[in-house]
């Protein structure tokens, strides 16, 4: 089978599209014929070695965290899935391939209302947004929530989850992403490329969800936008609010949680949440996708199809 692997850390040139043996499912595992994986910007840090202390790799390493596909073989002691089941999940690695092995308990049934390839956009971005909005920020009805980085894959889900919770959502987005972010339900779209975010606010906000890779100085500038007692949640740059500003700040790395993933699938199938696909690219193009992302030429979720 064909797969995308790296044999060393480095720039996008270390990404290889090559033949590898098809994996065999073991105890508690299933073999998935991959319909699609998706690109996540954090995989640039993984590939380059910037994340090696957080996510150490055994090289060569097959890329791909998100998986959507069809079960074609079931290992021993698996009772939850059978051959032909359509599944999605968050893997430790290996989804950027024609076939991938996954622990059965890391998967859930895919949504039935969308193409299986589109469902590959859900796991990493959807779980990250879910945990930011509901676990860490505890967004509730009537709050004013600023989604910084709404044009990204996580941001698109975060806008929808905050709206579903009943919040008034303010979203930063470049002109390239503004229309898509508006379709997802943002109440106010702020063009951060034109002027500072603060210039667009007529009152303070309850929650900042920082989902963009910004500098510490840019992150610090968002803190004064919060009301006293407000919440700053970031998946990238952490902040330490000064004691003079009584707000709470949290930084986190998303985890796999199949109960949350199943709940997210239900929201998709009931029409509450929309899967916004910015582009679909073949597996052989993954190195080019990395280069485009590093040059800021991408937006939203890009699915990668074998």
C-alpha atoms as a PDB file:
ATOM      1  CA  UNK A   1       0.000   0.000   0.000  1.00  0.00           C
ATOM      2  CA  UNK A   2       1.011   3.659  -0.289  1.00  0.00           C
ATOM      3  CA  UNK A   3       1.587   5.860   2.728  1.00  0.00           C
ATOM      4  CA  UNK A   4       3.096   9.181   3.735  1.00  0.00           C
ATOM      5  CA  UNK A   5       6.090   8.798   6.049  1.00  0.00           C
ATOM      6  CA  UNK A   6       8.969  10.805   7.434  1.00  0.00           C
ATOM      7  CA  UNK A   7      12.336   9.175   8.108  1.00  0.00           C
ATOM      8  CA  UNK A   8      13.828  12.236   9.780  1.00  0.00           C
ATOM      9  CA  UNK A   9      12.763  15.618  11.127  1.00  0.00           C
ATOM     10  CA  UNK A  10      12.996  18.596   8.798  1.00  0.00           C
ATOM     11  CA  UNK A  11      11.178  20.760   6.290  1.00  0.00           C
ATOM     12  CA  UNK A  12       8.467  19.495   3.949  1.00  0.00           C
ATOM     13  CA  UNK A  13      11.064  17.799   1.761  1.00  0.00           C
ATOM     14  CA  UNK A  14      11.377  14.986   4.359  1.00  0.00           C
ATOM     15  CA  UNK A  15       7.813  13.856   3.581  1.00  0.00           C
ATOM     16  CA  UNK A  16       7.882  10.701   1.451  1.00  0.00           C
ATOM     17  CA  UNK A  17       5.057   9.060  -0.477  1.00  0.00           C
ATOM     18  CA  UNK A  18       6.141   5.430  -0.549  1.00  0.00           C
ATOM     19  CA  UNK A  19       5.213   1.766  -0.533  1.00  0.00           C
ATOM     20  CA  UNK A  20       4.905   0.138   2.898  1.00  0.00           C
ATOM     21  CA  UNK A  21       3.476  -3.198   4.075  1.00  0.00           C
ATOM     22  CA  UNK A  22      -0.235  -3.203   4.802  1.00  0.00           C
ATOM     23  CA  UNK A  23      -0.709  -3.364   8.579  1.00  0.00           C
ATOM     24  CA  UNK A  24      -2.398  -6.276  10.328  1.00  0.00           C
ATOM     25  CA  UNK A  25      -4.855  -5.690  13.194  1.00  0.00           C
ATOM     26  CA  UNK A  26      -3.946  -7.196  16.534  1.00  0.00           C
ATOM     27  CA  UNK A  27      -5.805  -7.727  19.780  1.00  0.00           C
ATOM     28  CA  UNK A  28      -8.573  -5.133  20.127  1.00  0.00           C
ATOM     29  CA  UNK A  29      -7.772  -3.525  16.780  1.00  0.00           C
ATOM     30  CA  UNK A  30      -9.422  -3.124  13.388  1.00  0.00           C
ATOM     31  CA  UNK A  31      -8.020  -2.530   9.925  1.00  0.00           C
ATOM     32  CA  UNK A  32      -9.535   0.481   8.156  1.00  0.00           C
ATOM     33  CA  UNK A  33      -9.561   1.206   4.434  1.00  0.00           C
ATOM     34  CA  UNK A  34      -8.921   4.917   4.677  1.00  0.00           C
ATOM     35  CA  UNK A  35     -11.401   7.152   2.878  1.00  0.00           C
ATOM     36  CA  UNK A  36      -9.574  10.274   4.047  1.00  0.00           C
ATOM     37  CA  UNK A  37      -7.402  11.811   6.685  1.00  0.00           C
ATOM     38  CA  UNK A  38      -7.030  15.562   7.190  1.00  0.00           C
ATOM     39  CA  UNK A  39      -4.265  18.098   7.551  1.00  0.00           C
ATOM     40  CA  UNK A  40      -3.716  19.707  10.943  1.00  0.00           C
ATOM     41  CA  UNK A  41      -1.307  22.666  11.264  1.00  0.00           C
ATOM     42  CA  UNK A  42       0.242  21.127  14.383  1.00  0.00           C
ATOM     43  CA  UNK A  43       1.595  18.351  12.149  1.00  0.00           C
ATOM     44  CA  UNK A  44       4.084  20.906  10.841  1.00  0.00           C
ATOM     45  CA  UNK A  45       5.556  21.055  14.327  1.00  0.00           C
ATOM     46  CA  UNK A  46       5.542  17.276  14.504  1.00  0.00           C
ATOM     47  CA  UNK A  47       7.316  16.916  11.155  1.00  0.00           C
ATOM     48  CA  UNK A  48       9.888  19.608  11.875  1.00  0.00           C
ATOM     49  CA  UNK A  49      10.771  18.291  15.328  1.00  0.00           C
ATOM     50  CA  UNK A  50       9.422  21.259  17.270  1.00  0.00           C
ATOM     51  CA  UNK A  51       7.019  18.941  19.122  1.00  0.00           C
ATOM     52  CA  UNK A  52       9.444  16.082  19.758  1.00  0.00           C
ATOM     53  CA  UNK A  53       9.427  16.659  23.535  1.00  0.00           C
ATOM     54  CA  UNK A  54       5.604  16.452  23.594  1.00  0.00           C
ATOM     55  CA  UNK A  55       5.116  13.855  20.846  1.00  0.00           C
ATOM     56  CA  UNK A  56       8.306  11.801  20.525  1.00  0.00           C
ATOM     57  CA  UNK A  57       8.342   9.688  17.358  1.00  0.00           C
ATOM     58  CA  UNK A  58       9.794   6.359  16.387  1.00  0.00           C
ATOM     59  CA  UNK A  59      11.148   6.925  12.884  1.00  0.00           C
ATOM     60  CA  UNK A  60      10.168   6.197  10.177  1.00  0.00           C
ATOM     61  CA  UNK A  61       6.778   7.569  11.148  1.00  0.00           C
ATOM     62  CA  UNK A  62       3.534   7.456   9.152  1.00  0.00           C
ATOM     63  CA  UNK A  63       1.725  10.778   9.413  1.00  0.00           C
ATOM     64  CA  UNK A  64      -1.990  11.284   9.956  1.00  0.00           C
ATOM     65  CA  UNK A  65      -4.052  11.664  13.126  1.00  0.00           C
ATOM     66  CA  UNK A  66      -7.581  11.971  11.737  1.00  0.00           C
ATOM     67  CA  UNK A  67      -9.097   8.930  10.104  1.00  0.00           C
ATOM     68  CA  UNK A  68     -12.374   8.240   8.322  1.00  0.00           C
ATOM     69  CA  UNK A  69     -12.877   4.957   6.581  1.00  0.00           C
ATOM     70  CA  UNK A  70     -14.423   1.515   6.397  1.00  0.00           C
ATOM     71  CA  UNK A  71     -13.559  -1.451   8.577  1.00  0.00           C
ATOM     72  CA  UNK A  72     -12.226  -4.265   6.380  1.00  0.00           C
ATOM     73  CA  UNK A  73     -10.775  -6.606   9.001  1.00  0.00           C
ATOM     74  CA  UNK A  74     -11.394  -7.130  12.700  1.00  0.00           C
ATOM     75  CA  UNK A  75      -8.768  -8.339  15.163  1.00  0.00           C
ATOM     76  CA  UNK A  76      -9.449 -10.646  18.070  1.00  0.00           C
ATOM     77  CA  UNK A  77     -11.523  -9.499  21.026  1.00  0.00           C
ATOM     78  CA  UNK A  78     -13.330  -6.745  19.081  1.00  0.00           C
ATOM     79  CA  UNK A  79     -17.075  -6.673  19.721  1.00  0.00           C
ATOM     80  CA  UNK A  80     -17.958  -3.059  18.883  1.00  0.00           C
ATOM     81  CA  UNK A  81     -17.378  -3.014  15.102  1.00  0.00           C
ATOM     82  CA  UNK A  82     -17.767  -5.391  12.194  1.00  0.00           C
ATOM     83  CA  UNK A  83     -16.554  -5.451   8.614  1.00  0.00           C
ATOM     84  CA  UNK A  84     -18.171  -2.717   6.452  1.00  0.00           C
ATOM     85  CA  UNK A  85     -18.756  -0.350   9.407  1.00  0.00           C
ATOM     86  CA  UNK A  86     -17.949   3.279   8.563  1.00  0.00           C
ATOM     87  CA  UNK A  87     -15.876   4.808  11.343  1.00  0.00           C
ATOM     88  CA  UNK A  88     -13.937   7.891  12.352  1.00  0.00           C
ATOM     89  CA  UNK A  89     -11.363   8.445  15.032  1.00  0.00           C
ATOM     90  CA  UNK A  90      -8.288  10.177  16.369  1.00  0.00           C
ATOM     91  CA  UNK A  91      -5.180   7.999  15.982  1.00  0.00           C
ATOM     92  CA  UNK A  92      -1.679   8.358  17.385  1.00  0.00           C
ATOM     93  CA  UNK A  93      -0.388   8.061  13.799  1.00  0.00           C
ATOM     94  CA  UNK A  94      -0.823   6.186  10.560  1.00  0.00           C
ATOM     95  CA  UNK A  95      -3.925   7.645   8.903  1.00  0.00           C
ATOM     96  CA  UNK A  96      -2.054   9.160   5.935  1.00  0.00           C
ATOM     97  CA  UNK A  97      -2.137   5.852   4.100  1.00  0.00           C
ATOM     98  CA  UNK A  98      -4.410   3.607   2.095  1.00  0.00           C
ATOM     99  CA  UNK A  99      -4.993   1.399   5.145  1.00  0.00           C
ATOM    100  CA  UNK A 100      -4.596   2.075   8.863  1.00  0.00           C
ATOM    101  CA  UNK A 101      -4.817  -0.009  12.017  1.00  0.00           C
ATOM    102  CA  UNK A 102      -6.692   1.494  14.953  1.00  0.00           C
ATOM    103  CA  UNK A 103      -7.689   0.435  18.428  1.00  0.00           C
ATOM    104  CA  UNK A 104     -11.408  -0.245  18.293  1.00  0.00           C
ATOM    105  CA  UNK A 105     -11.986   1.764  21.461  1.00  0.00           C
ATOM    106  CA  UNK A 106     -10.535   4.863  19.756  1.00  0.00           C
ATOM    107  CA  UNK A 107     -13.261   4.891  17.093  1.00  0.00           C
ATOM    108  CA  UNK A 108     -16.932   5.798  16.731  1.00  0.00           C
ATOM    109  CA  UNK A 109     -19.401   5.298  13.901  1.00  0.00           C
ATOM    110  CA  UNK A 110     -19.121   7.970  11.234  1.00  0.00           C
ATOM    111  CA  UNK A 111     -21.940  10.410  10.564  1.00  0.00           C
ATOM    112  CA  UNK A 112     -24.466   9.188   8.031  1.00  0.00           C
ATOM    113  CA  UNK A 113     -25.452  12.622   6.749  1.00  0.00           C
ATOM    114  CA  UNK A 114     -22.148  13.572   5.129  1.00  0.00           C
ATOM    115  CA  UNK A 115     -19.660  11.983   2.736  1.00  0.00           C
ATOM    116  CA  UNK A 116     -17.280   9.690   4.583  1.00  0.00           C
ATOM    117  CA  UNK A 117     -14.303  11.650   3.275  1.00  0.00           C
ATOM    118  CA  UNK A 118     -15.646  14.851   4.859  1.00  0.00           C
ATOM    119  CA  UNK A 119     -15.907  13.141   8.246  1.00  0.00           C
ATOM    120  CA  UNK A 120     -12.101  13.026   8.402  1.00  0.00           C
ATOM    121  CA  UNK A 121     -12.252  16.735   9.274  1.00  0.00           C
ATOM    122  CA  UNK A 122     -13.975  16.029  12.582  1.00  0.00           C
ATOM    123  CA  UNK A 123     -11.750  14.253  15.150  1.00  0.00           C
ATOM    124  CA  UNK A 124      -8.782  16.541  15.923  1.00  0.00           C
ATOM    125  CA  UNK A 125     -10.449  19.872  15.143  1.00  0.00           C
ATOM    126  CA  UNK A 126     -13.846  18.903  16.540  1.00  0.00           C
ATOM    127  CA  UNK A 127     -12.539  17.476  19.807  1.00  0.00           C
ATOM    128  CA  UNK A 128     -10.200  20.429  20.324  1.00  0.00           C
ATOM    129  CA  UNK A 129     -13.037  22.899  19.809  1.00  0.00           C
ATOM    130  CA  UNK A 130     -15.422  20.867  21.973  1.00  0.00           C
ATOM    131  CA  UNK A 131     -13.001  20.784  24.883  1.00  0.00           C
ATOM    132  CA  UNK A 132     -12.153  24.481  24.505  1.00  0.00           C
ATOM    133  CA  UNK A 133     -15.791  25.598  24.466  1.00  0.00           C
ATOM    134  CA  UNK A 134     -17.440  23.171  26.890  1.00  0.00           C
ATOM    135  CA  UNK A 135     -14.731  21.804  29.211  1.00  0.00           C
ATOM    136  CA  UNK A 136     -12.394  24.732  29.704  1.00  0.00           C
ATOM    137  CA  UNK A 137     -14.390  27.870  28.879  1.00  0.00           C
ATOM    138  CA  UNK A 138     -17.776  26.488  30.058  1.00  0.00           C
ATOM    139  CA  UNK A 139     -19.553  28.720  27.546  1.00  0.00           C
ATOM    140  CA  UNK A 140     -23.201  29.361  28.405  1.00  0.00           C
ATOM    141  CA  UNK A 141     -26.144  31.202  26.883  1.00  0.00           C
ATOM    142  CA  UNK A 142     -25.882  34.983  26.794  1.00  0.00           C
ATOM    143  CA  UNK A 143     -22.102  35.179  27.033  1.00  0.00           C
ATOM    144  CA  UNK A 144     -19.988  37.194  24.622  1.00  0.00           C
ATOM    145  CA  UNK A 145     -17.316  34.904  23.195  1.00  0.00           C
ATOM    146  CA  UNK A 146     -14.397  35.943  21.010  1.00  0.00           C
ATOM    147  CA  UNK A 147     -13.100  33.149  18.759  1.00  0.00           C
ATOM    148  CA  UNK A 148      -9.620  34.223  17.707  1.00  0.00           C
ATOM    149  CA  UNK A 149      -8.655  32.203  14.652  1.00  0.00           C
ATOM    150  CA  UNK A 150     -12.167  31.390  13.497  1.00  0.00           C
ATOM    151  CA  UNK A 151     -10.984  30.774   9.950  1.00  0.00           C
ATOM    152  CA  UNK A 152      -9.055  27.656  10.940  1.00  0.00           C
ATOM    153  CA  UNK A 153     -10.381  24.118  11.254  1.00  0.00           C
ATOM    154  CA  UNK A 154     -10.735  24.281  15.039  1.00  0.00           C
ATOM    155  CA  UNK A 155     -12.192  27.773  14.815  1.00  0.00           C
ATOM    156  CA  UNK A 156     -14.990  26.707  12.505  1.00  0.00           C
ATOM    157  CA  UNK A 157     -16.184  24.115  14.995  1.00  0.00           C
ATOM    158  CA  UNK A 158     -15.687  26.490  17.951  1.00  0.00           C
ATOM    159  CA  UNK A 159     -17.936  29.130  16.364  1.00  0.00           C
ATOM    160  CA  UNK A 160     -20.680  26.558  15.899  1.00  0.00           C
ATOM    161  CA  UNK A 161     -20.358  25.074  19.400  1.00  0.00           C
ATOM    162  CA  UNK A 162     -20.449  28.508  21.041  1.00  0.00           C
ATOM    163  CA  UNK A 163     -23.536  29.425  19.029  1.00  0.00           C
ATOM    164  CA  UNK A 164     -25.133  26.104  19.965  1.00  0.00           C
ATOM    165  CA  UNK A 165     -24.501  26.997  23.614  1.00  0.00           C
ATOM    166  CA  UNK A 166     -26.397  30.263  23.100  1.00  0.00           C
ATOM    167  CA  UNK A 167     -23.456  32.656  23.096  1.00  0.00           C
ATOM    168  CA  UNK A 168     -23.007  35.853  21.112  1.00  0.00           C
ATOM    169  CA  UNK A 169     -19.988  34.993  18.961  1.00  0.00           C
ATOM    170  CA  UNK A 170     -17.400  37.468  17.764  1.00  0.00           C
ATOM    171  CA  UNK A 171     -14.921  35.896  15.349  1.00  0.00           C
ATOM    172  CA  UNK A 172     -11.620  37.088  13.970  1.00  0.00           C
ATOM    173  CA  UNK A 173     -11.029  36.119  10.356  1.00  0.00           C
ATOM    174  CA  UNK A 174      -9.103  37.359   7.354  1.00  0.00           C
ATOM    175  CA  UNK A 175     -11.027  38.468   4.270  1.00  0.00           C
ATOM    176  CA  UNK A 176     -10.209  35.065   2.752  1.00  0.00           C
ATOM    177  CA  UNK A 177     -12.158  33.285   5.521  1.00  0.00           C
ATOM    178  CA  UNK A 178     -14.834  35.825   6.390  1.00  0.00           C
ATOM    179  CA  UNK A 179     -17.636  34.436   4.211  1.00  0.00           C
ATOM    180  CA  UNK A 180     -17.141  30.878   5.456  1.00  0.00           C
ATOM    181  CA  UNK A 181     -17.035  32.007   9.100  1.00  0.00           C
ATOM    182  CA  UNK A 182     -20.237  33.971   8.589  1.00  0.00           C
ATOM    183  CA  UNK A 183     -21.985  30.895   7.194  1.00  0.00           C
ATOM    184  CA  UNK A 184     -21.049  29.020  10.364  1.00  0.00           C
ATOM    185  CA  UNK A 185     -22.996  31.486  12.500  1.00  0.00           C
ATOM    186  CA  UNK A 186     -20.656  34.175  13.811  1.00  0.00           C
ATOM    187  CA  UNK A 187     -22.594  37.242  14.956  1.00  0.00           C
ATOM    188  CA  UNK A 188     -19.732  39.644  14.255  1.00  0.00           C
ATOM    189  CA  UNK A 189     -16.687  39.078  12.066  1.00  0.00           C
ATOM    190  CA  UNK A 190     -13.571  41.072  12.854  1.00  0.00           C
ATOM    191  CA  UNK A 191     -10.955  41.592  10.154  1.00  0.00           C
ATOM    192  CA  UNK A 192      -7.838  41.369  12.292  1.00  0.00           C
ATOM    193  CA  UNK A 193      -5.674  42.215   9.258  1.00  0.00           C
ATOM    194  CA  UNK A 194      -7.173  45.710   9.030  1.00  0.00           C
ATOM    195  CA  UNK A 195      -7.067  46.984  12.623  1.00  0.00           C
ATOM    196  CA  UNK A 196      -6.646  45.755  16.220  1.00  0.00           C
ATOM    197  CA  UNK A 197      -9.420  43.580  17.608  1.00  0.00           C
ATOM    198  CA  UNK A 198     -10.049  46.074  20.419  1.00  0.00           C
ATOM    199  CA  UNK A 199     -11.127  48.699  17.872  1.00  0.00           C
ATOM    200  CA  UNK A 200     -14.141  46.531  16.964  1.00  0.00           C
ATOM    201  CA  UNK A 201     -15.526  45.995  20.474  1.00  0.00           C
ATOM    202  CA  UNK A 202     -18.072  48.242  22.133  1.00  0.00           C
ATOM    203  CA  UNK A 203     -17.994  46.315  25.404  1.00  0.00           C
ATOM    204  CA  UNK A 204     -15.881  43.706  27.123  1.00  0.00           C
ATOM    205  CA  UNK A 205     -16.314  40.014  26.519  1.00  0.00           C
ATOM    206  CA  UNK A 206     -16.746  36.995  28.761  1.00  0.00           C
ATOM    207  CA  UNK A 207     -14.456  34.522  26.998  1.00  0.00           C
ATOM    208  CA  UNK A 208     -11.524  34.533  24.610  1.00  0.00           C
ATOM    209  CA  UNK A 209     -10.885  31.299  22.734  1.00  0.00           C
ATOM    210  CA  UNK A 210      -7.446  31.671  21.184  1.00  0.00           C
ATOM    211  CA  UNK A 211      -7.059  29.095  18.427  1.00  0.00           C
ATOM    212  CA  UNK A 212      -4.438  30.912  16.345  1.00  0.00           C
ATOM    213  CA  UNK A 213      -0.655  30.609  16.436  1.00  0.00           C
ATOM    214  CA  UNK A 214       0.054  34.137  17.635  1.00  0.00           C
ATOM    215  CA  UNK A 215       2.971  35.757  19.414  1.00  0.00           C
ATOM    216  CA  UNK A 216       3.019  36.163  23.218  1.00  0.00           C
ATOM    217  CA  UNK A 217       2.591  39.907  22.698  1.00  0.00           C
ATOM    218  CA  UNK A 218      -0.498  39.371  20.551  1.00  0.00           C
ATOM    219  CA  UNK A 219      -1.933  36.963  23.125  1.00  0.00           C
ATOM    220  CA  UNK A 220      -1.292  39.409  25.967  1.00  0.00           C
ATOM    221  CA  UNK A 221      -3.131  42.127  24.012  1.00  0.00           C
ATOM    222  CA  UNK A 222      -6.322  40.025  24.072  1.00  0.00           C
ATOM    223  CA  UNK A 223      -6.437  39.709  27.864  1.00  0.00           C
ATOM    224  CA  UNK A 224      -7.621  43.285  28.604  1.00  0.00           C
ATOM    225  CA  UNK A 225     -10.619  42.682  26.331  1.00  0.00           C
ATOM    226  CA  UNK A 226     -12.103  40.412  29.019  1.00  0.00           C
ATOM    227  CA  UNK A 227     -14.450  41.536  31.740  1.00  0.00           C
ATOM    228  CA  UNK A 228     -13.427  40.905  35.366  1.00  0.00           C
ATOM    229  CA  UNK A 229     -13.885  37.194  36.023  1.00  0.00           C
ATOM    230  CA  UNK A 230     -13.568  36.354  32.329  1.00  0.00           C
ATOM    231  CA  UNK A 231     -11.863  33.314  30.830  1.00  0.00           C
ATOM    232  CA  UNK A 232      -8.948  33.065  28.401  1.00  0.00           C
ATOM    233  CA  UNK A 233      -8.540  29.609  26.818  1.00  0.00           C
ATOM    234  CA  UNK A 234      -5.734  28.921  24.371  1.00  0.00           C
ATOM    235  CA  UNK A 235      -4.647  25.872  22.398  1.00  0.00           C
ATOM    236  CA  UNK A 236      -1.460  27.610  21.254  1.00  0.00           C
ATOM    237  CA  UNK A 237       0.204  30.528  23.013  1.00  0.00           C
ATOM    238  CA  UNK A 238      -0.239  30.495  26.811  1.00  0.00           C
ATOM    239  CA  UNK A 239      -0.732  33.714  28.762  1.00  0.00           C
ATOM    240  CA  UNK A 240      -0.204  34.724  32.366  1.00  0.00           C
ATOM    241  CA  UNK A 241      -2.614  37.583  33.102  1.00  0.00           C
ATOM    242  CA  UNK A 242      -1.224  40.311  35.362  1.00  0.00           C
ATOM    243  CA  UNK A 243      -2.625  40.354  38.882  1.00  0.00           C
ATOM    244  CA  UNK A 244      -4.280  43.667  38.060  1.00  0.00           C
ATOM    245  CA  UNK A 245      -6.600  41.910  35.581  1.00  0.00           C
ATOM    246  CA  UNK A 246      -8.827  39.401  37.440  1.00  0.00           C
ATOM    247  CA  UNK A 247      -9.317  36.768  34.749  1.00  0.00           C
ATOM    248  CA  UNK A 248      -8.567  33.042  34.461  1.00  0.00           C
ATOM    249  CA  UNK A 249      -6.264  31.663  31.763  1.00  0.00           C
ATOM    250  CA  UNK A 250      -5.942  28.062  30.597  1.00  0.00           C
ATOM    251  CA  UNK A 251      -3.806  26.387  27.961  1.00  0.00           C
ATOM    252  CA  UNK A 252      -4.417  22.782  26.927  1.00  0.00           C
ATOM    253  CA  UNK A 253      -3.684  19.994  24.469  1.00  0.00           C
ATOM    254  CA  UNK A 254      -6.767  18.112  23.285  1.00  0.00           C
ATOM    255  CA  UNK A 255      -7.204  14.441  24.138  1.00  0.00           C
ATOM    256  CA  UNK A 256      -9.136  11.681  22.458  1.00  0.00           C
ATOM    257  CA  UNK A 257     -12.594  11.228  23.977  1.00  0.00           C
ATOM    258  CA  UNK A 258     -14.946   8.935  22.083  1.00  0.00           C
ATOM    259  CA  UNK A 259     -18.001   9.971  24.091  1.00  0.00           C
ATOM    260  CA  UNK A 260     -17.466  13.569  22.983  1.00  0.00           C
ATOM    261  CA  UNK A 261     -16.727  12.432  19.433  1.00  0.00           C
ATOM    262  CA  UNK A 262     -19.965  10.436  19.314  1.00  0.00           C
ATOM    263  CA  UNK A 263     -21.890  13.448  20.622  1.00  0.00           C
ATOM    264  CA  UNK A 264     -20.293  15.572  17.915  1.00  0.00           C
ATOM    265  CA  UNK A 265     -21.347  13.066  15.253  1.00  0.00           C
ATOM    266  CA  UNK A 266     -24.921  13.335  16.545  1.00  0.00           C
ATOM    267  CA  UNK A 267     -24.784  17.131  16.176  1.00  0.00           C
ATOM    268  CA  UNK A 268     -23.613  16.685  12.590  1.00  0.00           C
ATOM    269  CA  UNK A 269     -26.343  14.173  11.774  1.00  0.00           C
ATOM    270  CA  UNK A 270     -29.050  16.385  13.305  1.00  0.00           C
ATOM    271  CA  UNK A 271     -27.889  19.386  11.295  1.00  0.00           C
ATOM    272  CA  UNK A 272     -26.686  21.438  14.270  1.00  0.00           C
ATOM    273  CA  UNK A 273     -23.034  21.344  13.164  1.00  0.00           C
ATOM    274  CA  UNK A 274     -21.780  21.686   9.616  1.00  0.00           C
ATOM    275  CA  UNK A 275     -18.515  20.145   8.387  1.00  0.00           C
ATOM    276  CA  UNK A 276     -16.780  22.936   6.501  1.00  0.00           C
ATOM    277  CA  UNK A 277     -14.310  21.517   3.970  1.00  0.00           C
ATOM    278  CA  UNK A 278     -12.014  24.124   2.451  1.00  0.00           C
ATOM    279  CA  UNK A 279     -10.269  21.760   0.019  1.00  0.00           C
ATOM    280  CA  UNK A 280      -9.678  18.126  -0.859  1.00  0.00           C
ATOM    281  CA  UNK A 281      -6.188  17.032  -1.896  1.00  0.00           C
ATOM    282  CA  UNK A 282      -4.740  13.649  -2.880  1.00  0.00           C
ATOM    283  CA  UNK A 283      -2.419  11.859  -0.461  1.00  0.00           C
ATOM    284  CA  UNK A 284       0.537  12.391  -2.779  1.00  0.00           C
ATOM    285  CA  UNK A 285       0.097  16.174  -2.349  1.00  0.00           C
ATOM    286  CA  UNK A 286       0.560  16.220   1.430  1.00  0.00           C
ATOM    287  CA  UNK A 287       4.054  17.729   1.260  1.00  0.00           C
ATOM    288  CA  UNK A 288       2.646  20.524  -0.912  1.00  0.00           C
ATOM    289  CA  UNK A 289      -0.140  21.092   1.635  1.00  0.00           C
ATOM    290  CA  UNK A 290       2.502  21.498   4.352  1.00  0.00           C
ATOM    291  CA  UNK A 291       4.313  24.066   2.208  1.00  0.00           C
ATOM    292  CA  UNK A 292       1.098  25.950   1.487  1.00  0.00           C
ATOM    293  CA  UNK A 293       0.233  26.068   5.184  1.00  0.00           C
ATOM    294  CA  UNK A 294       3.686  27.337   6.108  1.00  0.00           C
ATOM    295  CA  UNK A 295       3.250  30.090   3.515  1.00  0.00           C
ATOM    296  CA  UNK A 296      -0.195  30.994   4.919  1.00  0.00           C
ATOM    297  CA  UNK A 297      -1.973  29.910   1.753  1.00  0.00           C
ATOM    298  CA  UNK A 298      -4.546  27.642   3.401  1.00  0.00           C
ATOM    299  CA  UNK A 299      -7.725  28.085   5.403  1.00  0.00           C
ATOM    300  CA  UNK A 300     -10.115  25.806   7.265  1.00  0.00           C
ATOM    301  CA  UNK A 301      -9.992  22.031   7.038  1.00  0.00           C
ATOM    302  CA  UNK A 302      -8.235  20.300   4.172  1.00  0.00           C
ATOM    303  CA  UNK A 303      -9.025  16.627   3.723  1.00  0.00           C
ATOM    304  CA  UNK A 304      -6.391  14.292   2.298  1.00  0.00           C
ATOM    305  CA  UNK A 305      -7.695  11.448   0.157  1.00  0.00           C
ATOM    306  CA  UNK A 306      -5.703   8.294  -0.743  1.00  0.00           C
END
